[in-house]
Each structure stands twice: as structure tokens, then as C-alpha cells.
Amino acid sequence: MAFAVRDLSVLAYANGFTLWHYKAGDDALASVGASGFFDGAADMLASGDIMMVSAAEGARVLAMAQVDGKIVAAPMG
């Protein structure tokens, strides 16, 4: 499945930092963390933002970064 902006929500925002949640549904955590998955929200996400992802197989916390105009998500911890 592809990224769906309706499944993305802001949990907290302060001083230019945003804590996000993405409900992945049936998408595997590996595909959600793949480069380019969040490109559809590139205009909203910023380097240093944190994304909490929940999926059928579990959950993951990702650190967001913009590289060459694309959103890159890296697992934390």
C-alpha cells in the first residue's frame, strides 16, 4: 500500500519540532521505513521530526530527514 496523508497526524508541535503518528494499517514496517515512502508529505515533514508508526506487525519510531528534497526515515534505537 502507498502513503496516505489521511493516516498521518500531529501529536505535538513546539519550536519547529513535530511529533507525528502514522497508522500503517496492513503496510509492513519495513516498507513504511523505506526511502521515499513519506515523499507525499515532504512539504509538512522536517529534518529532526520524529514519527511514531503503528502497523499490524508492531510499532517503530523513526527519525525524519530531508535529503535532496526526499524524506528519509531512519529507525531510532
Protein backbone atom coordinates (compact mmCIF):
# COMPACT_ATOMS: atom_id res chain seq x y z
CA MET A 1 0.00 0.00 0.00
CA ALA A 2 1.15 3.56 -0.58
CA PHE A 3 1.41 6.50 1.78
CA ALA A 4 -1.98 8.01 2.69
CA VAL A 5 -1.97 11.51 4.17
CA ARG A 6 -5.25 10.78 5.99
CA ASP A 7 -3.34 8.28 8.18
CA LEU A 8 -0.79 10.91 9.27
CA SER A 9 -1.46 13.04 12.34
CA VAL A 10 0.38 15.54 14.51
CA LEU A 11 0.71 14.54 18.16
CA ALA A 12 2.72 17.55 19.34
CA TYR A 13 4.43 20.63 17.92
CA ALA A 14 6.83 23.08 19.58
CA ASN A 15 9.76 25.24 18.49
CA GLY A 16 9.87 23.89 14.94
CA PHE A 17 9.76 20.23 16.06
CA THR A 18 6.82 17.95 15.29
CA LEU A 19 5.98 14.57 16.78
CA TRP A 20 3.92 12.60 14.27
CA HIS A 21 1.92 9.37 14.22
CA TYR A 22 1.32 7.29 11.08
CA LYS A 23 -1.18 4.43 11.07
CA ALA A 24 0.30 1.99 8.56
CA GLY A 25 -2.62 -0.45 8.50
CA ASP A 26 -1.52 -3.53 6.55
CA ASP A 27 1.76 -1.97 5.33
CA ALA A 28 4.86 -3.71 6.68
CA LEU A 29 7.08 -1.64 8.94
CA ALA A 30 9.97 -2.21 6.53
CA SER A 31 8.06 -0.62 3.64
CA VAL A 32 6.98 2.37 5.76
CA GLY A 33 10.61 3.00 6.70
CA ALA A 34 11.80 2.74 3.09
CA SER A 35 13.29 5.77 1.39
CA GLY A 36 10.63 7.82 -0.35
CA PHE A 37 7.59 6.39 1.48
CA PHE A 38 6.76 9.77 3.06
CA ASP A 39 7.50 11.88 -0.05
CA GLY A 40 3.80 12.72 -0.28
CA ALA A 41 4.18 14.69 2.95
CA ALA A 42 7.56 16.26 2.15
CA ASP A 43 6.07 19.74 2.43
CA MET A 44 4.96 19.04 6.04
CA LEU A 45 7.86 16.99 7.43
CA ALA A 46 11.16 18.47 8.52
CA SER A 47 14.56 17.12 9.41
CA GLY A 48 14.59 16.25 13.08
CA ASP A 49 10.89 15.39 13.28
CA ILE A 50 10.01 12.11 14.98
CA MET A 51 7.46 9.67 13.51
CA MET A 52 5.73 7.00 15.57
CA VAL A 53 4.43 4.28 13.24
CA SER A 54 1.89 1.66 14.21
CA ALA A 55 1.26 -1.32 11.94
CA ALA A 56 -0.36 -4.73 12.15
CA GLU A 57 3.01 -6.33 12.95
CA GLY A 58 4.00 -3.84 15.67
CA ALA A 59 5.35 -0.32 16.04
CA ARG A 60 8.50 1.66 15.30
CA VAL A 61 9.89 5.13 15.98
CA LEU A 62 11.58 6.88 13.05
CA ALA A 63 13.75 9.98 12.79
CA MET A 64 12.86 12.04 9.73
CA ALA A 65 15.37 13.82 7.49
CA GLN A 66 15.20 15.58 4.13
CA VAL A 67 17.89 14.58 1.65
CA ASP A 68 17.83 16.12 -1.83
CA GLY A 69 14.14 17.00 -1.45
CA LYS A 70 13.16 13.48 -0.43
CA ILE A 71 12.08 12.34 3.00
CA VAL A 72 14.30 9.71 4.57
CA ALA A 73 13.15 7.83 7.66
CA ALA A 74 15.72 6.12 9.87
CA PRO A 75 14.82 3.79 12.75
CA MET A 76 15.75 5.08 16.20
CA GLY A 77 17.45 2.95 18.78
